[in-house]
């Protein structure tokens, strides 16, 4: 029976996901900021530690991404509903067994294949409504990648707005931030069918992209507002200080990760 991960059939054609590797290309808008380190500690499991005091333990990256993805044969690119999706995700840094990692603590996507693909990788994905301004190279219906270009980003879930953000470009930058710059460390959890508090799956995993191709970086100022919701905890990471905003086009490939525990 073939299928990654399901449904599994003799041919595997009905599977929600194609075989790896998975290729991604997309535009990323990032807002980096500081919150109180105790807020970061509150969203980390006990086996992960805050980074050291001199490593900026309260630093957070909130990233909006407009993605196109496909398997090795590129079939999804000719059927765009299967390749295009958006996501908004929050990244912090932590230490596991003495090494610094990035970790996604909250994330929303707008397609089922992206949701389930994230579960395989340990991303805590939920369905949401994600929008971001696209750059343009002709006309006036959008910002240019030049000083003064202004982008807006929004996130909603369950009919409630969760985040509003803007990035205003000031010029080229050396990087699109430092928080989302390490291998990821995630937990893959799934309870057993008895629902007795015991997990059938409980792993610590890490992963990094391969064949990474990075476009030019544009940096500038940013704003970020996080809103309360009865079913979300995003507002726990409310900003105390905005560090900056960035735009970058990236390409990467996921070919598998590694189990740490």
C-alpha atoms as a PDB file:
ATOM      1  CA  UNK A   1       0.000   0.000   0.000  1.00  0.00           C
ATOM      2  CA  UNK A   2       1.498   3.307  -1.086  1.00  0.00           C
ATOM      3  CA  UNK A   3       0.845   6.816   0.084  1.00  0.00           C
ATOM      4  CA  UNK A   4       2.645   9.539   2.008  1.00  0.00           C
ATOM      5  CA  UNK A   5       0.922   9.650   4.406  1.00  0.00           C
ATOM      6  CA  UNK A   6      -2.638   8.777   3.361  1.00  0.00           C
ATOM      7  CA  UNK A   7      -4.886   7.573   1.899  1.00  0.00           C
ATOM      8  CA  UNK A   8      -2.817   4.512   1.043  1.00  0.00           C
ATOM      9  CA  UNK A   9      -3.750   2.526  -2.032  1.00  0.00           C
ATOM     10  CA  UNK A  10      -2.013   0.042  -4.286  1.00  0.00           C
ATOM     11  CA  UNK A  11      -0.945   2.782  -6.704  1.00  0.00           C
ATOM     12  CA  UNK A  12      -0.507   5.641  -4.197  1.00  0.00           C
ATOM     13  CA  UNK A  13      -2.117   8.069  -6.644  1.00  0.00           C
ATOM     14  CA  UNK A  14      -4.714   9.238  -4.125  1.00  0.00           C
ATOM     15  CA  UNK A  15      -2.144  10.181  -1.478  1.00  0.00           C
ATOM     16  CA  UNK A  16      -2.403  13.724  -0.179  1.00  0.00           C
ATOM     17  CA  UNK A  17       1.344  14.206  -0.660  1.00  0.00           C
ATOM     18  CA  UNK A  18       3.795  13.261  -3.405  1.00  0.00           C
ATOM     19  CA  UNK A  19       6.999  11.393  -2.588  1.00  0.00           C
ATOM     20  CA  UNK A  20       9.929  13.474  -1.363  1.00  0.00           C
ATOM     21  CA  UNK A  21      11.914  15.507  -2.191  1.00  0.00           C
ATOM     22  CA  UNK A  22       9.609  18.521  -1.967  1.00  0.00           C
ATOM     23  CA  UNK A  23      10.710  21.761  -3.610  1.00  0.00           C
ATOM     24  CA  UNK A  24       9.602  25.206  -2.407  1.00  0.00           C
ATOM     25  CA  UNK A  25       9.889  28.684  -3.918  1.00  0.00           C
ATOM     26  CA  UNK A  26       8.311  31.703  -2.303  1.00  0.00           C
ATOM     27  CA  UNK A  27       8.266  35.315  -1.164  1.00  0.00           C
ATOM     28  CA  UNK A  28       8.851  35.819   2.561  1.00  0.00           C
ATOM     29  CA  UNK A  29       7.953  38.894   4.599  1.00  0.00           C
ATOM     30  CA  UNK A  30       9.481  38.824   8.077  1.00  0.00           C
ATOM     31  CA  UNK A  31       8.941  40.956  11.167  1.00  0.00           C
ATOM     32  CA  UNK A  32      11.550  40.423  13.872  1.00  0.00           C
ATOM     33  CA  UNK A  33      10.874  41.686  17.366  1.00  0.00           C
ATOM     34  CA  UNK A  34      11.497  41.119  21.059  1.00  0.00           C
ATOM     35  CA  UNK A  35       9.047  39.862  23.633  1.00  0.00           C
ATOM     36  CA  UNK A  36       9.681  39.050  27.288  1.00  0.00           C
ATOM     37  CA  UNK A  37      11.805  35.855  27.422  1.00  0.00           C
ATOM     38  CA  UNK A  38       9.309  34.346  29.868  1.00  0.00           C
ATOM     39  CA  UNK A  39       6.758  34.403  27.033  1.00  0.00           C
ATOM     40  CA  UNK A  40       9.107  32.317  24.867  1.00  0.00           C
ATOM     41  CA  UNK A  41       9.702  29.932  27.771  1.00  0.00           C
ATOM     42  CA  UNK A  42       5.922  29.478  28.077  1.00  0.00           C
ATOM     43  CA  UNK A  43       5.615  28.003  24.553  1.00  0.00           C
ATOM     44  CA  UNK A  44       8.589  25.615  24.795  1.00  0.00           C
ATOM     45  CA  UNK A  45       8.309  22.042  26.114  1.00  0.00           C
ATOM     46  CA  UNK A  46      10.402  21.162  29.175  1.00  0.00           C
ATOM     47  CA  UNK A  47      13.193  19.452  27.231  1.00  0.00           C
ATOM     48  CA  UNK A  48      14.013  22.676  25.356  1.00  0.00           C
ATOM     49  CA  UNK A  49      15.855  25.562  27.007  1.00  0.00           C
ATOM     50  CA  UNK A  50      15.932  29.262  26.279  1.00  0.00           C
ATOM     51  CA  UNK A  51      19.035  30.492  24.514  1.00  0.00           C
ATOM     52  CA  UNK A  52      21.534  32.229  26.779  1.00  0.00           C
ATOM     53  CA  UNK A  53      20.956  35.766  27.995  1.00  0.00           C
ATOM     54  CA  UNK A  54      23.603  37.189  25.645  1.00  0.00           C
ATOM     55  CA  UNK A  55      21.893  35.398  22.706  1.00  0.00           C
ATOM     56  CA  UNK A  56      18.681  37.473  22.898  1.00  0.00           C
ATOM     57  CA  UNK A  57      16.273  34.852  24.325  1.00  0.00           C
ATOM     58  CA  UNK A  58      13.201  37.045  23.742  1.00  0.00           C
ATOM     59  CA  UNK A  59      13.774  37.429  19.989  1.00  0.00           C
ATOM     60  CA  UNK A  60      10.922  36.283  17.730  1.00  0.00           C
ATOM     61  CA  UNK A  61      10.380  36.163  13.958  1.00  0.00           C
ATOM     62  CA  UNK A  62       6.856  36.385  12.533  1.00  0.00           C
ATOM     63  CA  UNK A  63       6.975  35.303   8.877  1.00  0.00           C
ATOM     64  CA  UNK A  64       4.377  35.479   6.107  1.00  0.00           C
ATOM     65  CA  UNK A  65       5.110  33.307   3.065  1.00  0.00           C
ATOM     66  CA  UNK A  66       3.508  33.032  -0.369  1.00  0.00           C
ATOM     67  CA  UNK A  67       4.672  29.594  -1.563  1.00  0.00           C
ATOM     68  CA  UNK A  68       4.695  27.424  -4.645  1.00  0.00           C
ATOM     69  CA  UNK A  69       5.765  23.821  -4.064  1.00  0.00           C
ATOM     70  CA  UNK A  70       5.999  20.532  -5.923  1.00  0.00           C
ATOM     71  CA  UNK A  71       7.450  17.061  -5.965  1.00  0.00           C
ATOM     72  CA  UNK A  72      10.377  15.999  -8.107  1.00  0.00           C
ATOM     73  CA  UNK A  73       8.293  15.565 -11.260  1.00  0.00           C
ATOM     74  CA  UNK A  74       6.829  19.080 -11.001  1.00  0.00           C
ATOM     75  CA  UNK A  75       3.301  17.816 -11.770  1.00  0.00           C
ATOM     76  CA  UNK A  76       1.710  20.246  -9.286  1.00  0.00           C
ATOM     77  CA  UNK A  77       3.039  23.242 -11.195  1.00  0.00           C
ATOM     78  CA  UNK A  78       0.638  22.487 -14.070  1.00  0.00           C
ATOM     79  CA  UNK A  79      -2.228  22.071 -11.595  1.00  0.00           C
ATOM     80  CA  UNK A  80      -1.661  25.188  -9.460  1.00  0.00           C
ATOM     81  CA  UNK A  81      -4.342  24.450  -6.864  1.00  0.00           C
ATOM     82  CA  UNK A  82      -2.016  21.671  -5.697  1.00  0.00           C
ATOM     83  CA  UNK A  83       1.116  23.811  -5.589  1.00  0.00           C
ATOM     84  CA  UNK A  84       0.180  27.259  -4.305  1.00  0.00           C
ATOM     85  CA  UNK A  85      -0.480  28.085  -0.678  1.00  0.00           C
ATOM     86  CA  UNK A  86       0.211  30.701   1.967  1.00  0.00           C
ATOM     87  CA  UNK A  87       1.327  30.442   5.544  1.00  0.00           C
ATOM     88  CA  UNK A  88       2.071  32.622   8.541  1.00  0.00           C
ATOM     89  CA  UNK A  89       4.359  31.275  11.231  1.00  0.00           C
ATOM     90  CA  UNK A  90       6.149  32.289  14.412  1.00  0.00           C
ATOM     91  CA  UNK A  91       9.734  31.208  15.086  1.00  0.00           C
ATOM     92  CA  UNK A  92      11.808  31.433  18.265  1.00  0.00           C
ATOM     93  CA  UNK A  93      15.228  30.057  19.146  1.00  0.00           C
ATOM     94  CA  UNK A  94      16.032  27.491  21.810  1.00  0.00           C
ATOM     95  CA  UNK A  95      18.672  25.043  22.961  1.00  0.00           C
ATOM     96  CA  UNK A  96      18.424  21.268  22.840  1.00  0.00           C
ATOM     97  CA  UNK A  97      21.280  19.270  24.329  1.00  0.00           C
ATOM     98  CA  UNK A  98      23.428  22.392  24.250  1.00  0.00           C
ATOM     99  CA  UNK A  99      22.892  23.279  20.570  1.00  0.00           C
ATOM    100  CA  UNK A 100      20.964  26.304  19.303  1.00  0.00           C
ATOM    101  CA  UNK A 101      17.978  25.613  17.058  1.00  0.00           C
ATOM    102  CA  UNK A 102      15.099  27.547  15.541  1.00  0.00           C
ATOM    103  CA  UNK A 103      11.609  26.312  16.410  1.00  0.00           C
ATOM    104  CA  UNK A 104       8.222  27.064  14.926  1.00  0.00           C
ATOM    105  CA  UNK A 105       5.797  27.520  17.831  1.00  0.00           C
ATOM    106  CA  UNK A 106       2.661  28.669  15.956  1.00  0.00           C
ATOM    107  CA  UNK A 107       1.780  28.317  12.263  1.00  0.00           C
ATOM    108  CA  UNK A 108      -1.267  28.636  10.006  1.00  0.00           C
ATOM    109  CA  UNK A 109      -1.665  27.504   6.389  1.00  0.00           C
ATOM    110  CA  UNK A 110      -4.543  27.637   3.899  1.00  0.00           C
ATOM    111  CA  UNK A 111      -4.289  24.229   2.154  1.00  0.00           C
ATOM    112  CA  UNK A 112      -4.751  20.670   3.406  1.00  0.00           C
ATOM    113  CA  UNK A 113      -1.592  19.291   1.778  1.00  0.00           C
ATOM    114  CA  UNK A 114       0.513  21.941   3.521  1.00  0.00           C
ATOM    115  CA  UNK A 115      -1.190  21.152   6.829  1.00  0.00           C
ATOM    116  CA  UNK A 116      -0.449  17.423   6.701  1.00  0.00           C
ATOM    117  CA  UNK A 117       3.039  17.928   5.284  1.00  0.00           C
ATOM    118  CA  UNK A 118       3.749  20.052   8.335  1.00  0.00           C
ATOM    119  CA  UNK A 119       2.510  17.341  10.707  1.00  0.00           C
ATOM    120  CA  UNK A 120       5.071  14.956   9.230  1.00  0.00           C
ATOM    121  CA  UNK A 121       7.787  17.519   9.960  1.00  0.00           C
ATOM    122  CA  UNK A 122       6.578  18.411  13.447  1.00  0.00           C
ATOM    123  CA  UNK A 123       5.152  21.841  12.566  1.00  0.00           C
ATOM    124  CA  UNK A 124       2.030  22.620  14.691  1.00  0.00           C
ATOM    125  CA  UNK A 125      -0.011  23.713  11.672  1.00  0.00           C
ATOM    126  CA  UNK A 126      -3.607  24.938  11.743  1.00  0.00           C
ATOM    127  CA  UNK A 127      -5.870  26.204   8.985  1.00  0.00           C
ATOM    128  CA  UNK A 128      -6.074  29.984   8.631  1.00  0.00           C
ATOM    129  CA  UNK A 129      -6.631  32.848   6.221  1.00  0.00           C
ATOM    130  CA  UNK A 130      -3.318  34.439   5.247  1.00  0.00           C
ATOM    131  CA  UNK A 131      -2.720  37.423   2.984  1.00  0.00           C
ATOM    132  CA  UNK A 132       0.287  39.538   2.054  1.00  0.00           C
ATOM    133  CA  UNK A 133       0.968  42.312  -0.431  1.00  0.00           C
ATOM    134  CA  UNK A 134       2.846  41.124  -3.512  1.00  0.00           C
ATOM    135  CA  UNK A 135       5.655  43.162  -5.088  1.00  0.00           C
ATOM    136  CA  UNK A 136       5.141  44.338  -8.649  1.00  0.00           C
ATOM    137  CA  UNK A 137       7.429  45.181 -11.559  1.00  0.00           C
ATOM    138  CA  UNK A 138       4.853  46.949 -13.741  1.00  0.00           C
ATOM    139  CA  UNK A 139       2.013  49.344 -13.059  1.00  0.00           C
ATOM    140  CA  UNK A 140       0.931  50.921  -9.797  1.00  0.00           C
ATOM    141  CA  UNK A 141      -1.043  48.157  -8.044  1.00  0.00           C
ATOM    142  CA  UNK A 142       1.647  47.256  -5.569  1.00  0.00           C
ATOM    143  CA  UNK A 143       5.010  48.158  -4.043  1.00  0.00           C
ATOM    144  CA  UNK A 144       8.349  47.922  -5.814  1.00  0.00           C
ATOM    145  CA  UNK A 145      11.378  46.301  -4.204  1.00  0.00           C
ATOM    146  CA  UNK A 146      12.946  49.670  -3.510  1.00  0.00           C
ATOM    147  CA  UNK A 147      13.042  52.236  -0.690  1.00  0.00           C
ATOM    148  CA  UNK A 148       9.517  53.258   0.267  1.00  0.00           C
ATOM    149  CA  UNK A 149       7.890  50.005  -0.862  1.00  0.00           C
ATOM    150  CA  UNK A 150       5.235  49.157   1.713  1.00  0.00           C
ATOM    151  CA  UNK A 151       3.726  45.722   2.356  1.00  0.00           C
ATOM    152  CA  UNK A 152       0.791  44.649   4.499  1.00  0.00           C
ATOM    153  CA  UNK A 153       0.211  41.222   6.029  1.00  0.00           C
ATOM    154  CA  UNK A 154      -2.814  39.753   7.815  1.00  0.00           C
ATOM    155  CA  UNK A 155      -3.684  36.492   9.555  1.00  0.00           C
ATOM    156  CA  UNK A 156      -7.099  35.215  10.635  1.00  0.00           C
ATOM    157  CA  UNK A 157      -8.417  31.885  11.885  1.00  0.00           C
ATOM    158  CA  UNK A 158     -11.883  30.716  12.908  1.00  0.00           C
ATOM    159  CA  UNK A 159     -13.381  34.002  11.655  1.00  0.00           C
ATOM    160  CA  UNK A 160     -11.148  36.083  13.951  1.00  0.00           C
ATOM    161  CA  UNK A 161      -8.264  38.365  13.000  1.00  0.00           C
ATOM    162  CA  UNK A 162      -5.111  37.278  14.822  1.00  0.00           C
ATOM    163  CA  UNK A 163      -2.383  39.537  13.425  1.00  0.00           C
ATOM    164  CA  UNK A 164      -1.819  42.708  11.400  1.00  0.00           C
ATOM    165  CA  UNK A 165       1.627  43.709  10.194  1.00  0.00           C
ATOM    166  CA  UNK A 166       3.425  46.018   7.778  1.00  0.00           C
ATOM    167  CA  UNK A 167       6.946  46.206   6.355  1.00  0.00           C
ATOM    168  CA  UNK A 168       8.279  49.407   4.769  1.00  0.00           C
ATOM    169  CA  UNK A 169      11.469  48.933   2.787  1.00  0.00           C
ATOM    170  CA  UNK A 170      14.430  51.233   3.300  1.00  0.00           C
ATOM    171  CA  UNK A 171      17.030  49.487   1.132  1.00  0.00           C
ATOM    172  CA  UNK A 172      19.176  46.360   0.706  1.00  0.00           C
ATOM    173  CA  UNK A 173      20.042  44.360   3.830  1.00  0.00           C
ATOM    174  CA  UNK A 174      22.665  41.732   4.625  1.00  0.00           C
ATOM    175  CA  UNK A 175      20.124  39.145   5.833  1.00  0.00           C
ATOM    176  CA  UNK A 176      16.430  38.721   6.532  1.00  0.00           C
ATOM    177  CA  UNK A 177      16.987  38.326  10.265  1.00  0.00           C
ATOM    178  CA  UNK A 178      18.699  36.000  12.711  1.00  0.00           C
ATOM    179  CA  UNK A 179      15.913  34.119  14.502  1.00  0.00           C
ATOM    180  CA  UNK A 180      14.961  31.743  11.669  1.00  0.00           C
ATOM    181  CA  UNK A 181      18.563  31.003  10.769  1.00  0.00           C
ATOM    182  CA  UNK A 182      19.250  27.639  12.435  1.00  0.00           C
ATOM    183  CA  UNK A 183      18.196  24.043  11.827  1.00  0.00           C
ATOM    184  CA  UNK A 184      14.660  23.470  13.119  1.00  0.00           C
ATOM    185  CA  UNK A 185      13.936  21.356  16.192  1.00  0.00           C
ATOM    186  CA  UNK A 186      10.374  20.058  16.461  1.00  0.00           C
ATOM    187  CA  UNK A 187       8.380  17.487  18.387  1.00  0.00           C
ATOM    188  CA  UNK A 188       6.267  14.912  16.550  1.00  0.00           C
ATOM    189  CA  UNK A 189       3.428  13.931  18.885  1.00  0.00           C
ATOM    190  CA  UNK A 190       0.384  11.742  18.305  1.00  0.00           C
ATOM    191  CA  UNK A 191      -1.762  10.181  21.051  1.00  0.00           C
ATOM    192  CA  UNK A 192      -2.616   6.493  20.943  1.00  0.00           C
ATOM    193  CA  UNK A 193      -6.203   5.443  20.278  1.00  0.00           C
ATOM    194  CA  UNK A 194      -6.970   4.717  23.957  1.00  0.00           C
ATOM    195  CA  UNK A 195      -6.627   8.485  24.632  1.00  0.00           C
ATOM    196  CA  UNK A 196      -5.133   7.691  28.030  1.00  0.00           C
ATOM    197  CA  UNK A 197      -2.399  10.331  28.002  1.00  0.00           C
ATOM    198  CA  UNK A 198       0.151   8.028  26.365  1.00  0.00           C
ATOM    199  CA  UNK A 199       1.548   8.964  22.948  1.00  0.00           C
ATOM    200  CA  UNK A 200       1.956   6.430  20.152  1.00  0.00           C
ATOM    201  CA  UNK A 201       4.433   8.836  18.580  1.00  0.00           C
ATOM    202  CA  UNK A 202       6.746  11.055  20.635  1.00  0.00           C
ATOM    203  CA  UNK A 203       9.927  12.192  18.902  1.00  0.00           C
ATOM    204  CA  UNK A 204      12.311  15.127  18.820  1.00  0.00           C
ATOM    205  CA  UNK A 205      13.373  15.770  15.218  1.00  0.00           C
ATOM    206  CA  UNK A 206      15.515  18.222  13.312  1.00  0.00           C
ATOM    207  CA  UNK A 207      15.628  19.301   9.680  1.00  0.00           C
ATOM    208  CA  UNK A 208      17.207  21.823   7.351  1.00  0.00           C
ATOM    209  CA  UNK A 209      16.584  22.743   3.737  1.00  0.00           C
ATOM    210  CA  UNK A 210      18.902  21.633   0.954  1.00  0.00           C
ATOM    211  CA  UNK A 211      19.683  23.241  -2.410  1.00  0.00           C
ATOM    212  CA  UNK A 212      18.923  26.592  -0.816  1.00  0.00           C
ATOM    213  CA  UNK A 213      18.801  29.539  -3.222  1.00  0.00           C
ATOM    214  CA  UNK A 214      18.346  33.021  -1.779  1.00  0.00           C
ATOM    215  CA  UNK A 215      17.288  36.194  -3.547  1.00  0.00           C
ATOM    216  CA  UNK A 216      18.367  39.717  -2.590  1.00  0.00           C
ATOM    217  CA  UNK A 217      17.251  40.974   0.818  1.00  0.00           C
ATOM    218  CA  UNK A 218      15.437  44.253   1.357  1.00  0.00           C
ATOM    219  CA  UNK A 219      15.090  45.549   4.894  1.00  0.00           C
ATOM    220  CA  UNK A 220      13.300  48.350   6.662  1.00  0.00           C
ATOM    221  CA  UNK A 221      10.873  49.210   9.424  1.00  0.00           C
ATOM    222  CA  UNK A 222       7.884  47.148  10.522  1.00  0.00           C
ATOM    223  CA  UNK A 223       4.743  47.142  12.632  1.00  0.00           C
ATOM    224  CA  UNK A 224       3.026  44.173  14.269  1.00  0.00           C
ATOM    225  CA  UNK A 225      -0.236  43.838  16.188  1.00  0.00           C
ATOM    226  CA  UNK A 226      -1.306  40.534  17.775  1.00  0.00           C
ATOM    227  CA  UNK A 227      -4.957  40.131  18.722  1.00  0.00           C
ATOM    228  CA  UNK A 228      -6.659  38.011  21.361  1.00  0.00           C
ATOM    229  CA  UNK A 229      -8.769  34.994  20.433  1.00  0.00           C
ATOM    230  CA  UNK A 230     -10.610  32.468  22.607  1.00  0.00           C
ATOM    231  CA  UNK A 231      -9.035  29.573  20.689  1.00  0.00           C
ATOM    232  CA  UNK A 232      -5.487  30.826  20.083  1.00  0.00           C
ATOM    233  CA  UNK A 233      -2.461  31.737  22.229  1.00  0.00           C
ATOM    234  CA  UNK A 234      -0.543  33.829  19.708  1.00  0.00           C
ATOM    235  CA  UNK A 235      -1.036  36.985  21.794  1.00  0.00           C
ATOM    236  CA  UNK A 236       1.212  35.454  24.474  1.00  0.00           C
ATOM    237  CA  UNK A 237       4.126  36.540  22.275  1.00  0.00           C
ATOM    238  CA  UNK A 238       3.103  40.193  22.054  1.00  0.00           C
ATOM    239  CA  UNK A 239       5.971  42.453  20.937  1.00  0.00           C
ATOM    240  CA  UNK A 240       7.818  44.779  23.305  1.00  0.00           C
ATOM    241  CA  UNK A 241      10.222  46.121  20.657  1.00  0.00           C
ATOM    242  CA  UNK A 242      10.239  45.837  16.860  1.00  0.00           C
ATOM    243  CA  UNK A 243      13.697  45.025  15.468  1.00  0.00           C
ATOM    244  CA  UNK A 244      12.987  45.293  11.731  1.00  0.00           C
ATOM    245  CA  UNK A 245      11.183  44.026   8.669  1.00  0.00           C
ATOM    246  CA  UNK A 246      12.452  42.157   5.607  1.00  0.00           C
ATOM    247  CA  UNK A 247      11.477  40.870   2.166  1.00  0.00           C
ATOM    248  CA  UNK A 248      13.273  37.977   0.503  1.00  0.00           C
ATOM    249  CA  UNK A 249      12.518  35.400  -2.186  1.00  0.00           C
ATOM    250  CA  UNK A 250      13.805  31.947  -1.274  1.00  0.00           C
ATOM    251  CA  UNK A 251      14.008  28.484  -2.770  1.00  0.00           C
ATOM    252  CA  UNK A 252      14.697  25.286  -0.839  1.00  0.00           C
ATOM    253  CA  UNK A 253      14.183  21.519  -0.896  1.00  0.00           C
ATOM    254  CA  UNK A 254      13.047  19.188   1.873  1.00  0.00           C
ATOM    255  CA  UNK A 255      14.358  15.654   1.481  1.00  0.00           C
ATOM    256  CA  UNK A 256      13.906  14.358   5.035  1.00  0.00           C
ATOM    257  CA  UNK A 257      15.010  15.092   8.574  1.00  0.00           C
ATOM    258  CA  UNK A 258      16.718  13.302  11.445  1.00  0.00           C
ATOM    259  CA  UNK A 259      15.381  11.873  14.717  1.00  0.00           C
ATOM    260  CA  UNK A 260      17.239  13.204  17.756  1.00  0.00           C
ATOM    261  CA  UNK A 261      15.262  11.352  20.445  1.00  0.00           C
END
